[in-house]
């Protein structure tokens, strides 16, 4: 999720200054209402184009069913780090 958020933020930070720089001269040439309508139309077209990509709306939850391979496994005090067995079950008596 963090990577997707960072890519979206990068796009917004790059596109905002470009949009501000282009919208002023276009509004002066064509009028503010026309530029606003064209911008809204472009936003709708890009949103629909994004939603037409099957991978965007068909998100699967495959990774939630498997244990995470990242990070250490919690081992309770008094247990074997490799198997998770307590000392009592390994030695047959209290630790």
PDB file of N, CA and C in Angstrom:
ATOM      1  N   UNK A   1       0.813  -1.182   0.000  1.00  0.00           N
ATOM      2  CA  UNK A   1       0.000   0.000   0.000  1.00  0.00           C
ATOM      3  C   UNK A   1       0.864   1.258   0.000  1.00  0.00           C
ATOM      4  N   UNK A   2       1.977   1.178   0.696  1.00  0.00           N
ATOM      5  CA  UNK A   2       2.825   2.359   0.790  1.00  0.00           C
ATOM      6  C   UNK A   2       3.407   2.729  -0.577  1.00  0.00           C
ATOM      7  N   UNK A   3       3.769   1.713  -1.350  1.00  0.00           N
ATOM      8  CA  UNK A   3       4.317   2.013  -2.680  1.00  0.00           C
ATOM      9  C   UNK A   3       3.270   2.658  -3.572  1.00  0.00           C
ATOM     10  N   UNK A   4       2.063   2.143  -3.521  1.00  0.00           N
ATOM     11  CA  UNK A   4       0.992   2.721  -4.334  1.00  0.00           C
ATOM     12  C   UNK A   4       0.724   4.154  -3.913  1.00  0.00           C
ATOM     13  N   UNK A   5       0.712   4.392  -2.621  1.00  0.00           N
ATOM     14  CA  UNK A   5       0.505   5.754  -2.129  1.00  0.00           C
ATOM     15  C   UNK A   5       1.611   6.692  -2.536  1.00  0.00           C
ATOM     16  N   UNK A   6       2.852   6.198  -2.532  1.00  0.00           N
ATOM     17  CA  UNK A   6       3.960   7.061  -2.924  1.00  0.00           C
ATOM     18  C   UNK A   6       3.936   7.373  -4.418  1.00  0.00           C
ATOM     19  N   UNK A   7       3.501   6.418  -5.230  1.00  0.00           N
ATOM     20  CA  UNK A   7       3.399   6.672  -6.668  1.00  0.00           C
ATOM     21  C   UNK A   7       2.295   7.693  -6.944  1.00  0.00           C
ATOM     22  N   UNK A   8       1.177   7.569  -6.244  1.00  0.00           N
ATOM     23  CA  UNK A   8       0.084   8.521  -6.412  1.00  0.00           C
ATOM     24  C   UNK A   8       0.528   9.914  -5.982  1.00  0.00           C
ATOM     25  N   UNK A   9       1.237   9.993  -4.866  1.00  0.00           N
ATOM     26  CA  UNK A   9       1.714  11.284  -4.381  1.00  0.00           C
ATOM     27  C   UNK A   9       2.720  11.895  -5.360  1.00  0.00           C
ATOM     28  N   UNK A  10       3.599  11.074  -5.902  1.00  0.00           N
ATOM     29  CA  UNK A  10       4.559  11.581  -6.886  1.00  0.00           C
ATOM     30  C   UNK A  10       3.835  12.139  -8.102  1.00  0.00           C
ATOM     31  N   UNK A  11       2.833  11.415  -8.587  1.00  0.00           N
ATOM     32  CA  UNK A  11       2.069  11.907  -9.736  1.00  0.00           C
ATOM     33  C   UNK A  11       1.365  13.217  -9.433  1.00  0.00           C
ATOM     34  N   UNK A  12       0.806  13.326  -8.238  1.00  0.00           N
ATOM     35  CA  UNK A  12       0.110  14.554  -7.872  1.00  0.00           C
ATOM     36  C   UNK A  12       1.084  15.719  -7.742  1.00  0.00           C
ATOM     37  N   UNK A  13       2.241  15.456  -7.147  1.00  0.00           N
ATOM     38  CA  UNK A  13       3.217  16.537  -6.974  1.00  0.00           C
ATOM     39  C   UNK A  13       3.828  16.984  -8.299  1.00  0.00           C
ATOM     40  N   UNK A  14       3.889  16.087  -9.265  1.00  0.00           N
ATOM     41  CA  UNK A  14       4.414  16.458 -10.582  1.00  0.00           C
ATOM     42  C   UNK A  14       3.335  17.122 -11.422  1.00  0.00           C
ATOM     43  N   UNK A  15       2.111  16.593 -11.364  1.00  0.00           N
ATOM     44  CA  UNK A  15       1.046  17.091 -12.225  1.00  0.00           C
ATOM     45  C   UNK A  15       0.490  18.439 -11.776  1.00  0.00           C
ATOM     46  N   UNK A  16       0.485  18.704 -10.482  1.00  0.00           N
ATOM     47  CA  UNK A  16      -0.110  19.953  -9.994  1.00  0.00           C
ATOM     48  C   UNK A  16       0.581  21.196 -10.549  1.00  0.00           C
ATOM     49  N   UNK A  17       1.897  21.304 -10.479  1.00  0.00           N
ATOM     50  CA  UNK A  17       2.532  22.502 -11.047  1.00  0.00           C
ATOM     51  C   UNK A  17       2.373  22.602 -12.564  1.00  0.00           C
ATOM     52  N   UNK A  18       2.379  21.462 -13.229  1.00  0.00           N
ATOM     53  CA  UNK A  18       2.191  21.481 -14.687  1.00  0.00           C
ATOM     54  C   UNK A  18       0.780  21.967 -15.011  1.00  0.00           C
ATOM     55  N   UNK A  19      -0.206  21.442 -14.289  1.00  0.00           N
ATOM     56  CA  UNK A  19      -1.590  21.863 -14.512  1.00  0.00           C
ATOM     57  C   UNK A  19      -1.795  23.330 -14.226  1.00  0.00           C
ATOM     58  N   UNK A  20      -1.176  23.838 -13.168  1.00  0.00           N
ATOM     59  CA  UNK A  20      -1.310  25.264 -12.850  1.00  0.00           C
ATOM     60  C   UNK A  20      -0.645  26.133 -13.911  1.00  0.00           C
ATOM     61  N   UNK A  21       0.472  25.676 -14.409  1.00  0.00           N
ATOM     62  CA  UNK A  21       1.174  26.452 -15.434  1.00  0.00           C
ATOM     63  C   UNK A  21       0.449  26.464 -16.763  1.00  0.00           C
ATOM     64  N   UNK A  22      -0.249  25.395 -17.082  1.00  0.00           N
ATOM     65  CA  UNK A  22      -0.951  25.293 -18.366  1.00  0.00           C
ATOM     66  C   UNK A  22      -2.342  25.927 -18.292  1.00  0.00           C
ATOM     67  N   UNK A  23      -3.008  25.813 -17.141  1.00  0.00           N
ATOM     68  CA  UNK A  23      -4.393  26.281 -17.060  1.00  0.00           C
ATOM     69  C   UNK A  23      -4.520  27.798 -17.178  1.00  0.00           C
ATOM     70  N   UNK A  24      -3.557  28.529 -16.689  1.00  0.00           N
ATOM     71  CA  UNK A  24      -3.624  29.992 -16.788  1.00  0.00           C
ATOM     72  C   UNK A  24      -3.654  30.490 -18.219  1.00  0.00           C
ATOM     73  N   UNK A  25      -2.658  30.126 -19.036  1.00  0.00           N
ATOM     74  CA  UNK A  25      -2.674  30.559 -20.436  1.00  0.00           C
ATOM     75  C   UNK A  25      -3.885  30.033 -21.217  1.00  0.00           C
ATOM     76  N   UNK A  26      -4.309  28.786 -20.917  1.00  0.00           N
ATOM     77  CA  UNK A  26      -5.484  28.255 -21.614  1.00  0.00           C
ATOM     78  C   UNK A  26      -6.746  29.022 -21.233  1.00  0.00           C
ATOM     79  N   UNK A  27      -6.880  29.377 -19.945  1.00  0.00           N
ATOM     80  CA  UNK A  27      -8.042  30.151 -19.507  1.00  0.00           C
ATOM     81  C   UNK A  27      -8.039  31.543 -20.132  1.00  0.00           C
ATOM     82  N   UNK A  28      -6.857  32.122 -20.315  1.00  0.00           N
ATOM     83  CA  UNK A  28      -6.766  33.437 -20.953  1.00  0.00           C
ATOM     84  C   UNK A  28      -7.158  33.351 -22.426  1.00  0.00           C
ATOM     85  N   UNK A  29      -6.805  32.246 -23.068  1.00  0.00           N
ATOM     86  CA  UNK A  29      -7.091  32.095 -24.490  1.00  0.00           C
ATOM     87  C   UNK A  29      -8.529  31.644 -24.753  1.00  0.00           C
ATOM     88  N   UNK A  30      -9.052  30.687 -23.979  1.00  0.00           N
ATOM     89  CA  UNK A  30     -10.357  30.099 -24.271  1.00  0.00           C
ATOM     90  C   UNK A  30     -11.453  30.485 -23.286  1.00  0.00           C
ATOM     91  N   UNK A  31     -11.077  31.044 -22.160  1.00  0.00           N
ATOM     92  CA  UNK A  31     -12.061  31.383 -21.126  1.00  0.00           C
ATOM     93  C   UNK A  31     -12.033  30.352 -20.000  1.00  0.00           C
ATOM     94  N   UNK A  32     -12.292  30.848 -18.809  1.00  0.00           N
ATOM     95  CA  UNK A  32     -12.208  29.984 -17.631  1.00  0.00           C
ATOM     96  C   UNK A  32     -13.224  28.846 -17.625  1.00  0.00           C
ATOM     97  N   UNK A  33     -14.449  29.128 -18.054  1.00  0.00           N
ATOM     98  CA  UNK A  33     -15.486  28.100 -18.067  1.00  0.00           C
ATOM     99  C   UNK A  33     -15.163  26.951 -18.998  1.00  0.00           C
ATOM    100  N   UNK A  34     -14.617  27.279 -20.156  1.00  0.00           N
ATOM    101  CA  UNK A  34     -14.264  26.243 -21.131  1.00  0.00           C
ATOM    102  C   UNK A  34     -13.151  25.363 -20.597  1.00  0.00           C
ATOM    103  N   UNK A  35     -12.134  25.987 -20.010  1.00  0.00           N
ATOM    104  CA  UNK A  35     -11.009  25.219 -19.461  1.00  0.00           C
ATOM    105  C   UNK A  35     -11.476  24.359 -18.290  1.00  0.00           C
ATOM    106  N   UNK A  36     -12.373  24.902 -17.464  1.00  0.00           N
ATOM    107  CA  UNK A  36     -12.906  24.126 -16.346  1.00  0.00           C
ATOM    108  C   UNK A  36     -13.698  22.919 -16.843  1.00  0.00           C
ATOM    109  N   UNK A  37     -14.519  23.105 -17.861  1.00  0.00           N
ATOM    110  CA  UNK A  37     -15.301  21.996 -18.419  1.00  0.00           C
ATOM    111  C   UNK A  37     -14.395  20.945 -19.053  1.00  0.00           C
ATOM    112  N   UNK A  38     -13.380  21.382 -19.795  1.00  0.00           N
ATOM    113  CA  UNK A  38     -12.434  20.440 -20.402  1.00  0.00           C
ATOM    114  C   UNK A  38     -11.664  19.667 -19.335  1.00  0.00           C
ATOM    115  N   UNK A  39     -11.289  20.345 -18.262  1.00  0.00           N
ATOM    116  CA  UNK A  39     -10.563  19.678 -17.178  1.00  0.00           C
ATOM    117  C   UNK A  39     -11.442  18.641 -16.490  1.00  0.00           C
ATOM    118  N   UNK A  40     -12.695  18.977 -16.253  1.00  0.00           N
ATOM    119  CA  UNK A  40     -13.620  18.023 -15.641  1.00  0.00           C
ATOM    120  C   UNK A  40     -13.832  16.818 -16.560  1.00  0.00           C
ATOM    121  N   UNK A  41     -13.995  17.074 -17.853  1.00  0.00           N
ATOM    122  CA  UNK A  41     -14.155  15.987 -18.817  1.00  0.00           C
ATOM    123  C   UNK A  41     -12.933  15.090 -18.867  1.00  0.00           C
ATOM    124  N   UNK A  42     -11.759  15.682 -18.823  1.00  0.00           N
ATOM    125  CA  UNK A  42     -10.515  14.906 -18.822  1.00  0.00           C
ATOM    126  C   UNK A  42     -10.428  14.049 -17.557  1.00  0.00           C
ATOM    127  N   UNK A  43     -10.839  14.608 -16.434  1.00  0.00           N
ATOM    128  CA  UNK A  43     -10.843  13.832 -15.191  1.00  0.00           C
ATOM    129  C   UNK A  43     -11.773  12.637 -15.254  1.00  0.00           C
ATOM    130  N   UNK A  44     -12.951  12.828 -15.830  1.00  0.00           N
ATOM    131  CA  UNK A  44     -13.911  11.729 -15.972  1.00  0.00           C
ATOM    132  C   UNK A  44     -13.371  10.670 -16.925  1.00  0.00           C
ATOM    133  N   UNK A  45     -12.815  11.078 -18.042  1.00  0.00           N
ATOM    134  CA  UNK A  45     -12.276  10.126 -19.026  1.00  0.00           C
ATOM    135  C   UNK A  45     -11.134   9.313 -18.421  1.00  0.00           C
ATOM    136  N   UNK A  46     -10.230   9.955 -17.694  1.00  0.00           N
ATOM    137  CA  UNK A  46      -9.113   9.233 -17.084  1.00  0.00           C
ATOM    138  C   UNK A  46      -9.586   8.279 -15.985  1.00  0.00           C
ATOM    139  N   UNK A  47     -10.593   8.677 -15.228  1.00  0.00           N
ATOM    140  CA  UNK A  47     -11.140   7.798 -14.197  1.00  0.00           C
ATOM    141  C   UNK A  47     -11.790   6.573 -14.812  1.00  0.00           C
ATOM    142  N   UNK A  48     -12.585   6.766 -15.847  1.00  0.00           N
ATOM    143  CA  UNK A  48     -13.237   5.640 -16.512  1.00  0.00           C
ATOM    144  C   UNK A  48     -12.201   4.727 -17.157  1.00  0.00           C
ATOM    145  N   UNK A  49     -11.175   5.311 -17.781  1.00  0.00           N
ATOM    146  CA  UNK A  49     -10.122   4.498 -18.401  1.00  0.00           C
ATOM    147  C   UNK A  49      -9.399   3.660 -17.351  1.00  0.00           C
ATOM    148  N   UNK A  50      -9.163   4.218 -16.177  1.00  0.00           N
ATOM    149  CA  UNK A  50      -8.520   3.469 -15.100  1.00  0.00           C
ATOM    150  C   UNK A  50      -9.405   2.331 -14.629  1.00  0.00           C
ATOM    151  N   UNK A  51     -10.699   2.582 -14.501  1.00  0.00           N
ATOM    152  CA  UNK A  51     -11.616   1.546 -14.029  1.00  0.00           C
ATOM    153  C   UNK A  51     -11.866   0.456 -15.066  1.00  0.00           C
ATOM    154  N   UNK A  52     -11.539   0.690 -16.318  1.00  0.00           N
ATOM    155  CA  UNK A  52     -11.696  -0.331 -17.346  1.00  0.00           C
ATOM    156  C   UNK A  52     -10.584  -1.379 -17.312  1.00  0.00           C
ATOM    157  N   UNK A  53      -9.514  -1.107 -16.589  1.00  0.00           N
ATOM    158  CA  UNK A  53      -8.420  -2.076 -16.459  1.00  0.00           C
ATOM    159  C   UNK A  53      -8.854  -3.131 -15.440  1.00  0.00           C
ATOM    160  N   UNK A  54      -8.965  -4.401 -15.855  1.00  0.00           N
ATOM    161  CA  UNK A  54      -9.477  -5.433 -14.951  1.00  0.00           C
ATOM    162  C   UNK A  54      -8.660  -5.581 -13.661  1.00  0.00           C
ATOM    163  N   UNK A  55      -7.367  -5.399 -13.722  1.00  0.00           N
ATOM    164  CA  UNK A  55      -6.534  -5.563 -12.524  1.00  0.00           C
ATOM    165  C   UNK A  55      -6.847  -4.514 -11.463  1.00  0.00           C
ATOM    166  N   UNK A  56      -7.432  -3.408 -11.845  1.00  0.00           N
ATOM    167  CA  UNK A  56      -7.743  -2.358 -10.874  1.00  0.00           C
ATOM    168  C   UNK A  56      -8.949  -2.742 -10.028  1.00  0.00           C
ATOM    169  N   UNK A  57      -9.972  -3.272 -10.621  1.00  0.00           N
ATOM    170  CA  UNK A  57     -11.193  -3.563  -9.870  1.00  0.00           C
ATOM    171  C   UNK A  57     -11.323  -5.016  -9.462  1.00  0.00           C
ATOM    172  N   UNK A  58     -10.391  -5.865  -9.871  1.00  0.00           N
ATOM    173  CA  UNK A  58     -10.433  -7.277  -9.500  1.00  0.00           C
ATOM    174  C   UNK A  58      -9.266  -7.594  -8.564  1.00  0.00           C
ATOM    175  N   UNK A  59      -9.245  -6.951  -7.417  1.00  0.00           N
ATOM    176  CA  UNK A  59      -8.174  -7.152  -6.454  1.00  0.00           C
ATOM    177  C   UNK A  59      -8.462  -8.430  -5.677  1.00  0.00           C
ATOM    178  N   UNK A  60      -7.440  -9.276  -5.575  1.00  0.00           N
ATOM    179  CA  UNK A  60      -7.605 -10.538  -4.861  1.00  0.00           C
ATOM    180  C   UNK A  60      -6.922 -10.442  -3.497  1.00  0.00           C
ATOM    181  N   UNK A  61      -7.365 -11.274  -2.601  1.00  0.00           N
ATOM    182  CA  UNK A  61      -6.834 -11.275  -1.240  1.00  0.00           C
ATOM    183  C   UNK A  61      -6.056 -12.564  -0.986  1.00  0.00           C
ATOM    184  N   UNK A  62      -5.155 -12.929  -1.894  1.00  0.00           N
ATOM    185  CA  UNK A  62      -4.403 -14.175  -1.767  1.00  0.00           C
ATOM    186  C   UNK A  62      -3.381 -14.125  -0.636  1.00  0.00           C
ATOM    187  N   UNK A  63      -2.793 -12.986  -0.414  1.00  0.00           N
ATOM    188  CA  UNK A  63      -1.701 -12.899   0.543  1.00  0.00           C
ATOM    189  C   UNK A  63      -2.172 -12.986   1.983  1.00  0.00           C
ATOM    190  N   UNK A  64      -3.424 -12.696   2.267  1.00  0.00           N
ATOM    191  CA  UNK A  64      -3.901 -12.720   3.642  1.00  0.00           C
ATOM    192  C   UNK A  64      -4.005 -14.138   4.198  1.00  0.00           C
ATOM    193  N   UNK A  65      -4.161 -15.147   3.349  1.00  0.00           N
ATOM    194  CA  UNK A  65      -4.337 -16.510   3.836  1.00  0.00           C
ATOM    195  C   UNK A  65      -3.015 -17.175   4.189  1.00  0.00           C
ATOM    196  N   UNK A  66      -1.902 -16.649   3.726  1.00  0.00           N
ATOM    197  CA  UNK A  66      -0.600 -17.241   3.997  1.00  0.00           C
ATOM    198  C   UNK A  66       0.120 -16.436   5.065  1.00  0.00           C
ATOM    199  N   UNK A  67       0.946 -17.092   5.891  1.00  0.00           N
ATOM    200  CA  UNK A  67       1.717 -16.340   6.878  1.00  0.00           C
ATOM    201  C   UNK A  67       2.752 -15.455   6.202  1.00  0.00           C
ATOM    202  N   UNK A  68       3.042 -14.364   6.818  1.00  0.00           N
ATOM    203  CA  UNK A  68       3.989 -13.416   6.247  1.00  0.00           C
ATOM    204  C   UNK A  68       5.402 -13.964   6.323  1.00  0.00           C
ATOM    205  N   UNK A  69       6.141 -13.979   5.186  1.00  0.00           N
ATOM    206  CA  UNK A  69       7.516 -14.461   5.220  1.00  0.00           C
ATOM    207  C   UNK A  69       8.490 -13.401   5.737  1.00  0.00           C
ATOM    208  N   UNK A  70       7.982 -12.208   5.992  1.00  0.00           N
ATOM    209  CA  UNK A  70       8.843 -11.107   6.405  1.00  0.00           C
ATOM    210  C   UNK A  70       8.793 -10.946   7.913  1.00  0.00           C
ATOM    211  N   UNK A  71       9.923 -10.725   8.510  1.00  0.00           N
ATOM    212  CA  UNK A  71       9.970 -10.434   9.939  1.00  0.00           C
ATOM    213  C   UNK A  71      10.126 -11.689  10.779  1.00  0.00           C
ATOM    214  N   UNK A  72      10.626 -11.495  11.985  1.00  0.00           N
ATOM    215  CA  UNK A  72      10.842 -12.656  12.854  1.00  0.00           C
ATOM    216  C   UNK A  72       9.528 -13.180  13.420  1.00  0.00           C
ATOM    217  N   UNK A  73       9.507 -14.458  13.687  1.00  0.00           N
ATOM    218  CA  UNK A  73       8.350 -15.088  14.299  1.00  0.00           C
ATOM    219  C   UNK A  73       8.460 -14.911  15.801  1.00  0.00           C
ATOM    220  N   UNK A  74       7.360 -14.610  16.433  1.00  0.00           N
ATOM    221  CA  UNK A  74       7.386 -14.439  17.884  1.00  0.00           C
ATOM    222  C   UNK A  74       7.542 -15.798  18.548  1.00  0.00           C
ATOM    223  N   UNK A  75       8.504 -15.899  19.425  1.00  0.00           N
ATOM    224  CA  UNK A  75       8.718 -17.118  20.191  1.00  0.00           C
ATOM    225  C   UNK A  75       8.586 -16.754  21.655  1.00  0.00           C
ATOM    226  N   UNK A  76       7.699 -17.428  22.339  1.00  0.00           N
ATOM    227  CA  UNK A  76       7.489 -17.103  23.747  1.00  0.00           C
ATOM    228  C   UNK A  76       8.690 -17.518  24.577  1.00  0.00           C
ATOM    229  N   UNK A  77       8.918 -16.836  25.687  1.00  0.00           N
ATOM    230  CA  UNK A  77      10.032 -17.205  26.555  1.00  0.00           C
ATOM    231  C   UNK A  77       9.871 -18.648  27.032  1.00  0.00           C
ATOM    232  N   UNK A  78      10.957 -19.382  27.057  1.00  0.00           N
ATOM    233  CA  UNK A  78      10.921 -20.766  27.503  1.00  0.00           C
ATOM    234  C   UNK A  78      10.568 -21.749  26.418  1.00  0.00           C
ATOM    235  N   UNK A  79      10.634 -21.345  25.152  1.00  0.00           N
ATOM    236  CA  UNK A  79      10.331 -22.278  24.071  1.00  0.00           C
ATOM    237  C   UNK A  79      11.494 -22.348  23.110  1.00  0.00           C
ATOM    238  N   UNK A  80      11.515 -23.414  22.331  1.00  0.00           N
ATOM    239  CA  UNK A  80      12.557 -23.612  21.338  1.00  0.00           C
ATOM    240  C   UNK A  80      12.282 -22.701  20.151  1.00  0.00           C
ATOM    241  N   UNK A  81      13.260 -21.900  19.733  1.00  0.00           N
ATOM    242  CA  UNK A  81      13.063 -20.919  18.668  1.00  0.00           C
ATOM    243  C   UNK A  81      12.778 -21.572  17.324  1.00  0.00           C
ATOM    244  N   UNK A  82      13.293 -22.798  17.110  1.00  0.00           N
ATOM    245  CA  UNK A  82      13.101 -23.442  15.810  1.00  0.00           C
ATOM    246  C   UNK A  82      11.733 -24.104  15.687  1.00  0.00           C
ATOM    247  N   UNK A  83      11.283 -24.753  16.768  1.00  0.00           N
ATOM    248  CA  UNK A  83      10.049 -25.532  16.673  1.00  0.00           C
ATOM    249  C   UNK A  83       8.881 -24.891  17.397  1.00  0.00           C
ATOM    250  N   UNK A  84       9.165 -23.998  18.364  1.00  0.00           N
ATOM    251  CA  UNK A  84       8.097 -23.382  19.130  1.00  0.00           C
ATOM    252  C   UNK A  84       7.651 -24.234  20.304  1.00  0.00           C
ATOM    253  N   UNK A  85       8.295 -25.410  20.505  1.00  0.00           N
ATOM    254  CA  UNK A  85       7.935 -26.267  21.624  1.00  0.00           C
ATOM    255  C   UNK A  85       8.463 -25.678  22.918  1.00  0.00           C
ATOM    256  N   UNK A  86       7.705 -25.868  23.974  1.00  0.00           N
ATOM    257  CA  UNK A  86       8.165 -25.394  25.281  1.00  0.00           C
ATOM    258  C   UNK A  86       9.233 -26.349  25.818  1.00  0.00           C
ATOM    259  N   UNK A  87       9.989 -25.886  26.789  1.00  0.00           N
ATOM    260  CA  UNK A  87      11.034 -26.727  27.383  1.00  0.00           C
ATOM    261  C   UNK A  87      10.419 -27.959  28.044  1.00  0.00           C
ATOM    262  N   UNK A  88       9.224 -27.809  28.595  1.00  0.00           N
ATOM    263  CA  UNK A  88       8.583 -28.947  29.238  1.00  0.00           C
ATOM    264  C   UNK A  88       8.304 -30.056  28.229  1.00  0.00           C
ATOM    265  N   UNK A  89       7.840 -29.676  27.021  1.00  0.00           N
ATOM    266  CA  UNK A  89       7.523 -30.704  26.046  1.00  0.00           C
ATOM    267  C   UNK A  89       8.783 -31.296  25.425  1.00  0.00           C
ATOM    268  N   UNK A  90       9.892 -30.565  25.448  1.00  0.00           N
ATOM    269  CA  UNK A  90      11.148 -31.081  24.876  1.00  0.00           C
ATOM    270  C   UNK A  90      11.843 -32.007  25.880  1.00  0.00           C
ATOM    271  N   UNK A  91      11.911 -31.582  27.150  1.00  0.00           N
ATOM    272  CA  UNK A  91      12.658 -32.352  28.149  1.00  0.00           C
ATOM    273  C   UNK A  91      11.783 -33.307  28.932  1.00  0.00           C
ATOM    274  N   UNK A  92      10.478 -33.135  28.854  1.00  0.00           N
ATOM    275  CA  UNK A  92       9.591 -34.007  29.591  1.00  0.00           C
ATOM    276  C   UNK A  92       9.290 -33.519  30.986  1.00  0.00           C
ATOM    277  N   UNK A  93       9.799 -32.348  31.379  1.00  0.00           N
ATOM    278  CA  UNK A  93       9.559 -31.830  32.711  1.00  0.00           C
ATOM    279  C   UNK A  93       9.659 -30.325  32.718  1.00  0.00           C
ATOM    280  N   UNK A  94       9.524 -29.717  33.895  1.00  0.00           N
ATOM    281  CA  UNK A  94       9.632 -28.253  33.959  1.00  0.00           C
ATOM    282  C   UNK A  94      11.021 -27.768  33.639  1.00  0.00           C
ATOM    283  N   UNK A  95      11.104 -26.547  33.190  1.00  0.00           N
ATOM    284  CA  UNK A  95      12.385 -25.974  32.757  1.00  0.00           C
ATOM    285  C   UNK A  95      13.309 -25.703  33.913  1.00  0.00           C
TER     286      UNK A  95
END
